[in-house]
C-alpha atoms as a PDB file:
ATOM      1  CA  MET A   1     156.070 103.596  78.869  1.00  0.00           C
ATOM      2  CA  GLU A   2     153.071 102.182  77.001  1.00  0.00           C
ATOM      3  CA  LYS A   3     150.085 104.487  76.817  1.00  0.00           C
ATOM      4  CA  ARG A   4     147.003 102.885  78.317  1.00  0.00           C
ATOM      5  CA  THR A   5     143.769 103.200  76.360  1.00  0.00           C
ATOM      6  CA  VAL A   6     140.504 101.301  76.599  1.00  0.00           C
ATOM      7  CA  GLU A   7     141.697  99.187  73.642  1.00  0.00           C
ATOM      8  CA  THR A   8     145.060  98.271  75.211  1.00  0.00           C
ATOM      9  CA  VAL A   9     143.490  97.513  78.598  1.00  0.00           C
ATOM     10  CA  LYS A  10     140.768  95.460  76.895  1.00  0.00           C
ATOM     11  CA  GLY A  11     143.433  93.581  74.911  1.00  0.00           C
ATOM     12  CA  LYS A  12     145.462  92.702  78.010  1.00  0.00           C
ATOM     13  CA  ILE A  13     142.417  91.502  79.929  1.00  0.00           C
ATOM     14  CA  ALA A  14     141.206  89.569  76.871  1.00  0.00           C
ATOM     15  CA  GLY A  15     144.601  87.875  76.532  1.00  0.00           C
ATOM     16  CA  PHE A  16     144.528  86.852  80.184  1.00  0.00           C
ATOM     17  CA  TYR A  17     140.955  85.559  79.802  1.00  0.00           C
ATOM     18  CA  ARG A  18     141.811  83.624  76.635  1.00  0.00           C
ATOM     19  CA  ASP A  19     144.918  82.021  78.180  1.00  0.00           C
ATOM     20  CA  ARG A  20     143.507  81.180  81.615  1.00  0.00           C
ATOM     21  CA  ARG A  21     139.757  80.831  80.911  1.00  0.00           C
ATOM     22  CA  ARG A  22     138.940  83.213  83.746  1.00  0.00           C
ATOM     23  CA  MET A  23     138.966  86.916  84.469  1.00  0.00           C
ATOM     24  CA  PRO A  24     141.960  88.360  86.348  1.00  0.00           C
ATOM     25  CA  THR A  25     141.566  89.543  89.921  1.00  0.00           C
ATOM     26  CA  TYR A  26     142.192  93.189  90.789  1.00  0.00           C
ATOM     27  CA  SER A  27     145.579  92.190  92.264  1.00  0.00           C
ATOM     28  CA  GLU A  28     146.533  90.406  89.045  1.00  0.00           C
ATOM     29  CA  MET A  29     145.421  93.416  86.995  1.00  0.00           C
ATOM     30  CA  VAL A  30     147.845  95.701  88.852  1.00  0.00           C
ATOM     31  CA  GLY A  31     150.745  93.799  87.253  1.00  0.00           C
ATOM     32  CA  LEU A  32     148.930  92.992  84.039  1.00  0.00           C
ATOM     33  CA  LEU A  33     148.147  96.646  83.307  1.00  0.00           C
ATOM     34  CA  GLY A  34     151.400  97.977  84.768  1.00  0.00           C
ATOM     35  CA  VAL A  35     149.670 100.286  87.251  1.00  0.00           C
ATOM     36  CA  ARG A  36     150.522 101.084  90.855  1.00  0.00           C
ATOM     37  CA  SER A  37     147.279 100.450  92.698  1.00  0.00           C
ATOM     38  CA  LYS A  38     143.907  98.727  92.713  1.00  0.00           C
ATOM     39  CA  SER A  39     142.221 102.144  92.557  1.00  0.00           C
ATOM     40  CA  VAL A  40     143.695 102.617  89.060  1.00  0.00           C
ATOM     41  CA  VAL A  41     142.487  99.113  88.165  1.00  0.00           C
ATOM     42  CA  ASP A  42     139.033 100.100  89.443  1.00  0.00           C
ATOM     43  CA  PHE A  43     139.127 103.169  87.149  1.00  0.00           C
ATOM     44  CA  TRP A  44     139.781 100.941  84.104  1.00  0.00           C
ATOM     45  CA  VAL A  45     137.208  98.346  85.170  1.00  0.00           C
ATOM     46  CA  LYS A  46     134.569 101.080  85.410  1.00  0.00           C
ATOM     47  CA  LYS A  47     135.541 102.324  81.927  1.00  0.00           C
ATOM     48  CA  LEU A  48     135.161  98.803  80.509  1.00  0.00           C
ATOM     49  CA  GLN A  49     131.815  98.440  82.279  1.00  0.00           C
ATOM     50  CA  ALA A  50     130.664 101.745  80.739  1.00  0.00           C
ATOM     51  CA  GLU A  51     131.751 100.431  77.308  1.00  0.00           C
ATOM     52  CA  GLY A  52     129.539  97.365  77.840  1.00  0.00           C
ATOM     53  CA  LEU A  53     132.465  94.943  77.926  1.00  0.00           C
ATOM     54  CA  LEU A  54     132.455  93.877  81.586  1.00  0.00           C
ATOM     55  CA  GLU A  55     129.973  93.446  84.385  1.00  0.00           C
ATOM     56  CA  LYS A  56     130.019  92.084  87.901  1.00  0.00           C
ATOM     57  CA  ASP A  57     128.052  88.992  88.812  1.00  0.00           C
ATOM     58  CA  THR A  58     125.968  88.635  91.980  1.00  0.00           C
ATOM     59  CA  LYS A  59     129.088  87.778  94.010  1.00  0.00           C
ATOM     60  CA  GLY A  60     131.002  90.814  92.718  1.00  0.00           C
ATOM     61  CA  PHE A  61     133.269  88.885  90.330  1.00  0.00           C
ATOM     62  CA  LEU A  62     134.034  90.358  86.926  1.00  0.00           C
ATOM     63  CA  LYS A  63     132.725  88.644  83.815  1.00  0.00           C
ATOM     64  CA  PRO A  64     132.801  89.629  80.162  1.00  0.00           C
ATOM     65  CA  LEU A  65     129.493  90.841  78.755  1.00  0.00           C
ATOM     66  CA  ARG A  66     130.606  89.892  75.288  1.00  0.00           C
ATOM     67  CA  ARG A  67     133.802  88.540  73.883  1.00  0.00           C
ATOM     68  CA  VAL A  68     136.505  91.143  73.930  1.00  0.00           C
ATOM     69  CA  LEU A  69     138.387  89.530  71.043  1.00  0.00           C
ATOM     70  CA  PRO A  70     136.554  90.579  67.891  1.00  0.00           C
ATOM     71  CA  LEU A  71     138.010  89.428  64.582  1.00  0.00           C
ATOM     72  CA  PRO A  72     138.366  91.509  61.423  1.00  0.00           C
ATOM     73  CA  VAL A  73     136.203  90.718  58.397  1.00  0.00           C
ATOM     74  CA  VAL A  74     138.592  91.224  55.494  1.00  0.00           C
ATOM     75  CA  GLY A  75     136.399  90.314  52.546  1.00  0.00           C
ATOM     76  CA  ASP A  76     134.273  87.637  50.921  1.00  0.00           C
ATOM     77  CA  ILE A  77     135.328  84.305  49.452  1.00  0.00           C
ATOM     78  CA  GLN A  78     133.790  82.498  46.497  1.00  0.00           C
ATOM     79  CA  ALA A  79     132.812  78.925  47.372  1.00  0.00           C
ATOM     80  CA  GLY A  80     132.224  78.011  43.718  1.00  0.00           C
ATOM     81  CA  PHE A  81     134.623  79.037  40.960  1.00  0.00           C
ATOM     82  CA  PRO A  82     137.751  80.925  42.012  1.00  0.00           C
ATOM     83  CA  SER A  83     137.653  84.697  41.774  1.00  0.00           C
ATOM     84  CA  PRO A  84     140.205  87.373  42.570  1.00  0.00           C
ATOM     85  CA  ALA A  85     140.047  88.327  46.241  1.00  0.00           C
ATOM     86  CA  GLU A  86     141.619  91.347  47.820  1.00  0.00           C
ATOM     87  CA  GLU A  87     142.106  91.567  51.531  1.00  0.00           C
ATOM     88  CA  GLU A  88     140.751  94.757  52.966  1.00  0.00           C
ATOM     89  CA  LEU A  89     139.291  95.472  56.355  1.00  0.00           C
ATOM     90  CA  ARG A  90     135.509  95.622  55.973  1.00  0.00           C
ATOM     91  CA  ASP A  91     134.255  95.264  59.519  1.00  0.00           C
ATOM     92  CA  ILE A  92     135.010  93.733  62.887  1.00  0.00           C
ATOM     93  CA  ILE A  93     132.809  90.946  64.216  1.00  0.00           C
ATOM     94  CA  SER A  94     132.723  89.326  67.606  1.00  0.00           C
ATOM     95  CA  LEU A  95     131.911  85.690  66.847  1.00  0.00           C
ATOM     96  CA  ASP A  96     129.742  85.189  69.890  1.00  0.00           C
ATOM     97  CA  GLU A  97     127.690  88.264  68.990  1.00  0.00           C
ATOM     98  CA  TYR A  98     127.340  86.911  65.456  1.00  0.00           C
ATOM     99  CA  VAL A  99     126.133  83.431  66.439  1.00  0.00           C
ATOM    100  CA  ILE A 100     124.448  84.133  69.797  1.00  0.00           C
ATOM    101  CA  THR A 101     121.558  86.569  69.499  1.00  0.00           C
ATOM    102  CA  ARG A 102     120.133  85.993  72.990  1.00  0.00           C
ATOM    103  CA  PRO A 103     123.016  85.094  75.351  1.00  0.00           C
ATOM    104  CA  GLU A 104     120.805  85.278  78.447  1.00  0.00           C
ATOM    105  CA  THR A 105     118.735  82.302  77.225  1.00  0.00           C
ATOM    106  CA  SER A 106     121.321  80.368  75.202  1.00  0.00           C
ATOM    107  CA  PHE A 107     123.484  77.350  75.985  1.00  0.00           C
ATOM    108  CA  LEU A 108     125.821  74.963  74.143  1.00  0.00           C
ATOM    109  CA  LEU A 109     125.504  71.218  73.568  1.00  0.00           C
ATOM    110  CA  ARG A 110     128.073  68.876  72.021  1.00  0.00           C
ATOM    111  CA  VAL A 111     126.562  66.657  69.310  1.00  0.00           C
ATOM    112  CA  SER A 112     126.829  62.894  69.412  1.00  0.00           C
ATOM    113  CA  GLY A 113     125.242  60.634  66.832  1.00  0.00           C
ATOM    114  CA  ASP A 114     124.606  61.090  63.125  1.00  0.00           C
ATOM    115  CA  SER A 115     120.865  61.739  62.844  1.00  0.00           C
ATOM    116  CA  MET A 116     121.361  65.332  61.619  1.00  0.00           C
ATOM    117  CA  ILE A 117     124.248  64.863  59.170  1.00  0.00           C
ATOM    118  CA  GLY A 118     122.023  65.770  56.213  1.00  0.00           C
ATOM    119  CA  GLU A 119     121.728  69.237  57.773  1.00  0.00           C
ATOM    120  CA  GLY A 120     125.529  69.381  58.117  1.00  0.00           C
ATOM    121  CA  ILE A 121     125.494  68.798  61.886  1.00  0.00           C
ATOM    122  CA  MET A 122     128.203  66.246  62.614  1.00  0.00           C
ATOM    123  CA  PRO A 123     129.269  64.331  65.727  1.00  0.00           C
ATOM    124  CA  GLY A 124     131.573  66.544  67.798  1.00  0.00           C
ATOM    125  CA  ASP A 125     130.011  69.810  66.597  1.00  0.00           C
ATOM    126  CA  LEU A 126     128.645  72.275  69.114  1.00  0.00           C
ATOM    127  CA  VAL A 127     125.119  73.606  68.730  1.00  0.00           C
ATOM    128  CA  ILE A 128     123.878  76.836  70.251  1.00  0.00           C
ATOM    129  CA  VAL A 129     120.398  76.408  71.659  1.00  0.00           C
ATOM    130  CA  GLU A 130     117.935  79.146  72.628  1.00  0.00           C
ATOM    131  CA  LYS A 131     115.600  78.268  75.505  1.00  0.00           C
ATOM    132  CA  GLY A 132     112.070  79.625  75.637  1.00  0.00           C
ATOM    133  CA  ARG A 133     111.702  80.191  71.901  1.00  0.00           C
ATOM    134  CA  GLU A 134     108.515  78.803  70.343  1.00  0.00           C
ATOM    135  CA  PRO A 135     109.596  76.378  67.580  1.00  0.00           C
ATOM    136  CA  LYS A 136     108.336  76.955  64.065  1.00  0.00           C
ATOM    137  CA  ASN A 137     107.701  74.203  61.541  1.00  0.00           C
ATOM    138  CA  GLY A 138     111.099  73.099  60.186  1.00  0.00           C
ATOM    139  CA  ASP A 139     113.186  74.418  63.108  1.00  0.00           C
ATOM    140  CA  ILE A 140     115.808  72.115  64.573  1.00  0.00           C
ATOM    141  CA  ILE A 141     114.963  71.583  68.211  1.00  0.00           C
ATOM    142  CA  ILE A 142     116.294  69.900  71.313  1.00  0.00           C
ATOM    143  CA  ALA A 143     113.448  67.920  72.847  1.00  0.00           C
ATOM    144  CA  GLN A 144     112.689  65.354  75.485  1.00  0.00           C
ATOM    145  CA  VAL A 145     110.471  62.722  73.895  1.00  0.00           C
ATOM    146  CA  ASP A 146     108.915  60.181  76.230  1.00  0.00           C
ATOM    147  CA  GLY A 147     111.791  60.671  78.677  1.00  0.00           C
ATOM    148  CA  GLU A 148     114.727  60.734  76.208  1.00  0.00           C
ATOM    149  CA  TRP A 149     116.547  63.747  74.764  1.00  0.00           C
ATOM    150  CA  THR A 150     117.134  64.194  71.038  1.00  0.00           C
ATOM    151  CA  MET A 151     117.837  66.805  68.354  1.00  0.00           C
ATOM    152  CA  LYS A 152     115.515  66.732  65.338  1.00  0.00           C
ATOM    153  CA  TYR A 153     113.470  68.818  62.910  1.00  0.00           C
ATOM    154  CA  PHE A 154     110.206  70.036  64.428  1.00  0.00           C
ATOM    155  CA  ARG A 155     107.200  69.266  62.208  1.00  0.00           C
ATOM    156  CA  LYS A 156     103.675  70.228  63.204  1.00  0.00           C
ATOM    157  CA  ARG A 157     100.622  69.389  61.123  1.00  0.00           C
ATOM    158  CA  LYS A 158      97.413  70.573  62.754  1.00  0.00           C
ATOM    159  CA  ASP A 159      97.785  69.335  66.352  1.00  0.00           C
ATOM    160  CA  GLU A 160     100.181  66.480  65.587  1.00  0.00           C
ATOM    161  CA  VAL A 161     103.919  66.915  66.209  1.00  0.00           C
ATOM    162  CA  THR A 162     106.511  64.730  64.509  1.00  0.00           C
ATOM    163  CA  LEU A 163     110.282  64.909  64.978  1.00  0.00           C
ATOM    164  CA  GLU A 164     112.315  64.088  61.878  1.00  0.00           C
ATOM    165  CA  SER A 165     116.003  63.400  61.452  1.00  0.00           C
ATOM    166  CA  ALA A 166     118.229  64.570  58.619  1.00  0.00           C
ATOM    167  CA  ASN A 167     119.430  61.030  57.991  1.00  0.00           C
ATOM    168  CA  SER A 168     117.233  58.554  56.114  1.00  0.00           C
ATOM    169  CA  LYS A 169     118.277  55.625  58.278  1.00  0.00           C
ATOM    170  CA  TYR A 170     116.264  57.054  61.209  1.00  0.00           C
ATOM    171  CA  PRO A 171     112.439  56.970  61.154  1.00  0.00           C
ATOM    172  CA  PRO A 172     110.321  59.947  62.276  1.00  0.00           C
ATOM    173  CA  ILE A 173     109.447  60.088  65.970  1.00  0.00           C
ATOM    174  CA  LYS A 174     105.925  60.717  67.221  1.00  0.00           C
ATOM    175  CA  PRO A 175     105.676  61.277  70.961  1.00  0.00           C
ATOM    176  CA  ARG A 176     103.560  58.576  72.614  1.00  0.00           C
ATOM    177  CA  GLU A 177     103.126  60.286  75.971  1.00  0.00           C
ATOM    178  CA  GLU A 178     105.173  63.450  76.359  1.00  0.00           C
ATOM    179  CA  LEU A 179     107.141  66.046  74.401  1.00  0.00           C
ATOM    180  CA  LYS A 180     109.128  68.784  76.137  1.00  0.00           C
ATOM    181  CA  VAL A 181     110.935  71.290  73.914  1.00  0.00           C
ATOM    182  CA  GLY A 182     114.258  72.243  75.504  1.00  0.00           C
ATOM    183  CA  GLY A 183     115.145  74.871  72.915  1.00  0.00           C
ATOM    184  CA  VAL A 184     115.635  75.780  69.280  1.00  0.00           C
ATOM    185  CA  VAL A 185     119.039  75.333  67.624  1.00  0.00           C
ATOM    186  CA  SER A 186     120.249  78.710  66.368  1.00  0.00           C
ATOM    187  CA  ALA A 187     123.806  77.928  65.209  1.00  0.00           C
ATOM    188  CA  VAL A 188     126.335  75.152  64.690  1.00  0.00           C
ATOM    189  CA  ILE A 189     130.039  75.450  65.458  1.00  0.00           C
ATOM    190  CA  ARG A 190     132.655  73.128  63.992  1.00  0.00           C
ATOM    191  CA  LYS A 191     136.344  73.296  64.711  1.00  0.00           C
ATOM    192  CA  TYR A 192     138.676  71.740  62.164  1.00  0.00           C
ATOM    193  CA  HIS A 193     141.819  70.139  63.564  1.00  0.00           C
ATOM    194  CA  LEU A 194     145.029  70.230  61.571  1.00  0.00           C
END
């Protein structure tokens, strides 16, 4: 019989979550964890809550606090000239913890259009946006300008705000009536398809 530890329980729940895009119910966890009752499931849920991996929402449903599928960091890679690389475990990183510093105020947007390609933000990429953060000069922001949403560099000179693209075929935008900042872009995610 497999010995149950926090790591094995976490792994089984993470696998279920990854495959089905939802958390298992207590009834499903009885079979998933190979236990006899929901009280044993409750024991493991409380352990995972104490570890900071799970919480219950306002309706009492389980949700992950952070991704429970961290990946190993096995070294560095030279992006210039080739160099010898040895694979050794250096650390473990949860990707969402790495790219999302404030999950409570962050959201994702899928990019369409090519106005930010000079920054390496391509159509189809996902951007992580932090709401409520005051933009600094040069930040990439999501903004509603005169009623239309866009993603651009934030430029402020004295009291004048200009939004600039990272593609020379688009002119700078100066709000005529209204500018509402929806958030500051904190990361870009691109998935390569083989």
